[in-house]
Amino acid sequence: MNVIENIRREKIRKVLIVRFHSLGDIALSLPIIRAFRRKFPEARISYLCFPRYAEALRGVREVDEVIPMKGDAAGMIAAVRRLRKEKFDLVLDLLSSPGSGSITLLSGTALRIGMDTGRRNRCYRYLLPRGAAGEAPRYTMDANREIAVMLGLEEGITGGGALRAGDRNHAIGFPPAETEESWAEDYLAGLGDPGAGFAGIVPGSKSRLKSWPEENFVRLAAMMMGEAGLRPLVLWGPGEEAAADRITAAAPGAVKAPPMGI
């Protein structure tokens, strides 16, 4: 009996997604959450992460509950106690680290799904492949879409073929923080003629698996201006200013935004 058969046959009422950190990885996990929601519309979906990322997730309508967990021993013990009380029907550990694997195992959930990491495989009842040895690195979004296919949440081809899951419901990003909306409106108003509007471009990433080469962002900015009339707004954070400068200089009409904190 494989994972897909279990997902389809088990009555799933409470789902937990485990991803402690990295805002980009959390954003890229949202299509999996939406796939769970479409497959199990009545289920309660919770997300376990570090406190600094909880605010971003609280506006995601497909997430019913965000469980913030401190990264120290006391925080992990408190999280395990809470998870055991919750009695989840399914836990999907997208991180599959020593800490997340231990928490998944100790949650008391029967249907535990994690990535095939070798040493931590005992923490899970079902394993998802990380990719064959020697395989070229894949963009994280594509890998997450393939996870949804392997879980039976979407249709597509896994393995050697190209994934054919539909592009619908694969949008990523978080709802805007209400306290910052008025500031953003004033800032955009001060930029002059917006054309058909603004479109944000976020080229920065700590991992090359999560971003395009800079020239792709330049081409995307040109398409936004030429085909949609949208003015590109290049967003950047610590350590990313040089890349933002290069993209802004190479893309006519693009605007370099003020620095972000993350």
Protein backbone atom coordinates (compact mmCIF):
# COMPACT_ATOMS: atom_id res chain seq x y z
CA MET A 1 0.00 0.00 0.00
CA ASN A 2 1.58 3.28 -1.09
CA VAL A 3 1.16 6.85 0.08
CA ILE A 4 -1.37 7.74 -2.60
CA GLU A 5 -3.63 4.83 -1.65
CA ASN A 6 -3.49 5.82 2.01
CA ILE A 7 -4.23 9.47 1.32
CA ARG A 8 -7.28 8.48 -0.69
CA ARG A 9 -8.56 5.83 1.71
CA GLU A 10 -7.94 7.37 5.10
CA LYS A 11 -10.49 9.79 6.49
CA ILE A 12 -8.34 12.88 6.99
CA ARG A 13 -9.79 15.39 9.45
CA LYS A 14 -6.66 17.11 10.81
CA VAL A 15 -3.49 17.80 8.79
CA LEU A 16 -0.20 19.22 10.04
CA ILE A 17 2.45 20.70 7.74
CA VAL A 18 5.92 20.98 9.31
CA ARG A 19 8.34 23.56 7.96
CA PHE A 20 10.23 25.43 10.69
CA HIS A 21 12.00 28.16 8.77
CA SER A 22 13.04 30.01 5.62
CA LEU A 23 10.36 32.39 4.37
CA GLY A 24 10.98 31.44 0.75
CA ASP A 25 10.55 27.73 1.44
CA ILE A 26 7.38 28.41 3.40
CA ALA A 27 6.00 30.50 0.52
CA LEU A 28 6.86 27.74 -1.94
CA SER A 29 5.01 25.22 0.23
CA LEU A 30 1.67 27.02 -0.14
CA PRO A 31 0.64 25.13 -3.31
CA ILE A 32 0.88 21.88 -1.33
CA ILE A 33 -1.42 23.35 1.32
CA ARG A 34 -3.90 24.41 -1.34
CA ALA A 35 -3.76 20.93 -2.84
CA PHE A 36 -4.60 19.45 0.58
CA ARG A 37 -7.51 21.89 0.89
CA ARG A 38 -8.91 20.90 -2.49
CA LYS A 39 -8.56 17.19 -1.70
CA PHE A 40 -9.89 17.43 1.85
CA PRO A 41 -12.08 20.57 1.98
CA GLU A 42 -13.43 19.77 5.45
CA ALA A 43 -10.05 19.04 7.06
CA ARG A 44 -8.41 21.35 9.59
CA ILE A 45 -4.95 22.30 8.32
CA SER A 46 -2.27 23.48 10.76
CA TYR A 47 1.26 24.72 10.06
CA LEU A 48 4.18 24.32 12.50
CA CYS A 49 6.95 26.91 12.14
CA PHE A 50 9.24 29.18 14.13
CA PRO A 51 7.52 32.27 15.64
CA ARG A 52 9.14 34.78 13.26
CA TYR A 53 7.27 33.23 10.30
CA ALA A 54 3.89 32.79 11.98
CA GLU A 55 2.61 36.27 11.11
CA ALA A 56 3.09 35.69 7.39
CA LEU A 57 1.09 32.47 7.50
CA ARG A 58 -1.83 33.74 9.57
CA GLY A 59 -3.33 35.50 6.57
CA VAL A 60 -3.27 32.39 4.36
CA ARG A 61 -6.90 31.37 4.15
CA GLU A 62 -6.15 27.68 3.54
CA VAL A 63 -4.33 27.47 6.88
CA ASP A 64 -6.73 27.13 9.80
CA GLU A 65 -4.10 27.35 12.52
CA VAL A 66 -0.46 28.40 12.81
CA ILE A 67 1.48 26.71 15.61
CA PRO A 68 4.58 28.77 16.49
CA MET A 69 7.42 26.80 18.05
CA LYS A 70 10.54 28.15 19.69
CA GLY A 71 13.70 26.46 18.47
CA ASP A 72 15.16 25.58 21.87
CA ALA A 73 14.62 22.33 23.77
CA ALA A 74 11.82 23.75 25.90
CA GLY A 75 10.00 24.99 22.82
CA MET A 76 10.27 21.64 21.08
CA ILE A 77 9.01 19.76 24.13
CA ALA A 78 6.05 22.14 24.41
CA ALA A 79 5.29 21.62 20.73
CA VAL A 80 5.32 17.84 21.05
CA ARG A 81 2.89 18.02 23.97
CA ARG A 82 0.55 20.22 22.00
CA LEU A 83 0.70 18.04 18.90
CA ARG A 84 -0.08 14.90 20.89
CA LYS A 85 -3.15 16.60 22.34
CA GLU A 86 -4.28 17.70 18.88
CA LYS A 87 -4.28 14.08 17.57
CA PHE A 88 -3.50 14.81 13.92
CA ASP A 89 -4.51 12.30 11.27
CA LEU A 90 -1.61 13.18 8.96
CA VAL A 91 1.72 14.97 9.35
CA LEU A 92 3.77 16.05 6.33
CA ASP A 93 7.32 17.04 7.27
CA LEU A 94 8.68 19.13 4.40
CA LEU A 95 11.92 19.88 6.25
CA SER A 96 12.84 16.36 7.39
CA SER A 97 15.69 17.58 9.59
CA PRO A 98 16.78 15.87 12.83
CA GLY A 99 14.55 18.21 14.84
CA SER A 100 11.49 18.10 12.61
CA GLY A 101 11.79 14.35 12.18
CA SER A 102 11.86 13.82 15.94
CA ILE A 103 8.84 16.06 16.47
CA THR A 104 6.95 14.27 13.70
CA LEU A 105 7.72 10.90 15.27
CA LEU A 106 6.79 12.03 18.78
CA SER A 107 3.54 13.65 17.61
CA GLY A 108 1.83 10.30 17.93
CA THR A 109 0.38 10.56 14.42
CA ALA A 110 0.03 7.29 12.56
CA LEU A 111 0.28 8.71 9.04
CA ARG A 112 3.70 10.40 9.10
CA ILE A 113 5.20 11.44 5.77
CA GLY A 114 8.71 12.78 5.28
CA MET A 115 11.53 13.00 2.80
CA ASP A 116 13.91 10.09 2.22
CA THR A 117 17.01 11.29 4.05
CA GLY A 118 18.46 7.94 5.09
CA ARG A 119 19.32 8.29 8.75
CA ARG A 120 15.99 9.85 9.77
CA ASN A 121 13.74 7.54 7.78
CA ARG A 122 12.63 5.74 10.93
CA CYS A 123 10.70 8.87 11.93
CA TYR A 124 8.21 8.37 9.10
CA ARG A 125 5.73 5.75 8.01
CA TYR A 126 5.95 6.82 4.37
CA LEU A 127 8.86 8.36 2.50
CA LEU A 128 9.01 10.69 -0.49
CA PRO A 129 12.17 10.70 -2.63
CA ARG A 130 14.39 13.77 -2.53
CA GLY A 131 15.72 12.98 -6.00
CA ALA A 132 18.00 10.38 -7.51
CA ALA A 133 21.74 10.51 -6.90
CA GLY A 134 23.44 12.65 -9.54
CA GLU A 135 20.16 14.23 -10.57
CA ALA A 136 20.36 17.91 -11.48
CA PRO A 137 18.95 20.21 -8.75
CA ARG A 138 15.32 21.16 -9.33
CA TYR A 139 13.55 24.41 -8.62
CA THR A 140 11.85 24.00 -5.24
CA MET A 141 8.42 24.90 -6.62
CA ASP A 142 8.66 22.06 -9.15
CA ALA A 143 9.72 19.65 -6.40
CA ASN A 144 6.79 20.71 -4.22
CA ARG A 145 4.34 20.29 -7.08
CA GLU A 146 5.72 16.78 -7.58
CA ILE A 147 5.15 16.07 -3.88
CA ALA A 148 1.48 16.95 -4.37
CA VAL A 149 1.35 14.49 -7.27
CA MET A 150 3.04 11.70 -5.31
CA LEU A 151 0.59 12.21 -2.45
CA GLY A 152 -2.31 11.81 -4.83
CA LEU A 153 -3.45 15.39 -4.30
CA GLU A 154 -3.00 16.33 -7.96
CA GLU A 155 -2.62 14.64 -11.31
CA GLY A 156 0.68 14.56 -13.13
CA ILE A 157 3.73 12.48 -13.92
CA THR A 158 6.46 11.76 -11.40
CA GLY A 159 9.83 10.23 -12.03
CA GLY A 160 11.32 10.52 -15.50
CA GLY A 161 8.51 12.49 -17.10
CA ALA A 162 7.66 16.15 -16.86
CA LEU A 163 5.17 17.13 -14.21
CA ARG A 164 1.83 17.91 -15.76
CA ALA A 165 -0.05 19.30 -12.79
CA GLY A 166 -2.11 22.31 -13.84
CA ASP A 167 -0.85 25.80 -13.19
CA ARG A 168 -4.01 26.80 -11.33
CA ASN A 169 -3.75 27.21 -7.58
CA HIS A 170 0.06 27.40 -7.69
CA ALA A 171 0.34 31.06 -6.82
CA ILE A 172 2.74 31.82 -4.00
CA GLY A 173 3.03 34.77 -1.65
CA PHE A 174 1.45 36.09 1.54
CA PRO A 175 -1.41 38.53 2.15
CA PRO A 176 -0.20 42.07 2.94
CA ALA A 177 0.16 43.14 6.55
CA GLU A 178 -2.68 45.55 7.33
CA THR A 179 -0.45 47.93 9.30
CA GLU A 180 1.81 48.46 6.28
CA GLU A 181 -0.81 48.94 3.58
CA SER A 182 -1.21 52.69 4.05
CA TRP A 183 2.57 53.25 3.93
CA ALA A 184 2.82 51.21 0.74
CA GLU A 185 -0.01 53.15 -0.89
CA ASP A 186 1.71 56.47 -0.12
CA TYR A 187 5.06 55.18 -1.41
CA LEU A 188 3.61 53.93 -4.69
CA ALA A 189 1.69 57.17 -5.18
CA GLY A 190 4.98 59.06 -4.98
CA LEU A 191 6.53 57.11 -7.86
CA GLY A 192 4.53 58.91 -10.51
CA ASP A 193 2.64 57.33 -13.38
CA PRO A 194 2.20 53.62 -12.59
CA GLY A 195 0.85 52.73 -16.02
CA ALA A 196 -1.46 49.74 -15.56
CA GLY A 197 -0.04 49.25 -12.07
CA PHE A 198 3.05 47.88 -10.35
CA ALA A 199 4.42 44.35 -10.29
CA GLY A 200 6.98 43.27 -7.71
CA ILE A 201 10.12 41.35 -8.67
CA VAL A 202 12.03 39.54 -5.92
CA PRO A 203 15.36 38.28 -7.33
CA GLY A 204 17.12 37.62 -4.02
CA SER A 205 17.59 34.17 -2.53
CA LYS A 206 20.10 32.40 -0.32
CA SER A 207 19.87 29.32 -2.54
CA ARG A 208 20.29 29.17 -6.29
CA LEU A 209 17.54 26.54 -6.40
CA LYS A 210 14.98 29.19 -5.49
CA SER A 211 15.81 31.96 -7.95
CA TRP A 212 16.41 32.64 -11.61
CA PRO A 213 19.55 34.13 -13.13
CA GLU A 214 19.43 37.92 -13.13
CA GLU A 215 18.99 38.13 -16.89
CA ASN A 216 15.68 36.27 -16.58
CA PHE A 217 14.38 38.93 -14.21
CA VAL A 218 15.44 41.62 -16.68
CA ARG A 219 13.50 39.87 -19.46
CA LEU A 220 10.50 39.44 -17.16
CA ALA A 221 10.57 43.16 -16.30
CA ALA A 222 10.64 44.04 -20.01
CA MET A 223 7.64 41.76 -20.63
CA MET A 224 5.73 43.38 -17.79
CA MET A 225 6.27 46.82 -19.26
CA GLY A 226 5.88 45.95 -22.92
CA GLU A 227 3.00 43.46 -22.83
CA ALA A 228 1.06 44.32 -19.68
CA GLY A 229 1.98 47.96 -19.07
CA LEU A 230 3.02 47.10 -15.52
CA ARG A 231 5.87 49.00 -13.93
CA PRO A 232 8.39 46.60 -12.30
CA LEU A 233 9.28 47.22 -8.66
CA VAL A 234 12.51 45.42 -7.68
CA LEU A 235 12.36 44.28 -4.05
CA TRP A 236 15.50 43.47 -2.09
CA GLY A 237 16.78 42.75 1.40
CA PRO A 238 20.11 42.45 3.24
CA GLY A 239 22.97 41.50 0.93
CA GLU A 240 20.85 41.83 -2.22
CA GLU A 241 21.26 45.50 -3.12
CA ALA A 242 23.90 44.95 -5.81
CA ALA A 243 21.67 42.52 -7.70
CA ALA A 244 18.73 44.91 -7.37
CA ASP A 245 20.87 47.74 -8.77
CA ARG A 246 21.94 45.65 -11.79
CA ILE A 247 18.40 44.54 -12.61
CA THR A 248 16.97 48.04 -12.19
CA ALA A 249 19.67 49.52 -14.43
CA ALA A 250 19.14 46.89 -17.14
CA ALA A 251 15.32 46.99 -17.16
CA PRO A 252 13.89 50.28 -18.50
CA GLY A 253 11.12 51.65 -16.31
CA ALA A 254 11.98 49.45 -13.33
CA VAL A 255 12.11 51.00 -9.87
CA LYS A 256 14.36 49.91 -7.02
CA ALA A 257 12.24 49.64 -3.87
CA PRO A 258 13.37 50.66 -0.37
CA PRO A 259 15.24 47.94 1.56
CA MET A 260 13.30 45.15 3.23
CA GLY A 261 14.19 43.60 6.57
CA ILE A 262 14.29 40.00 5.37
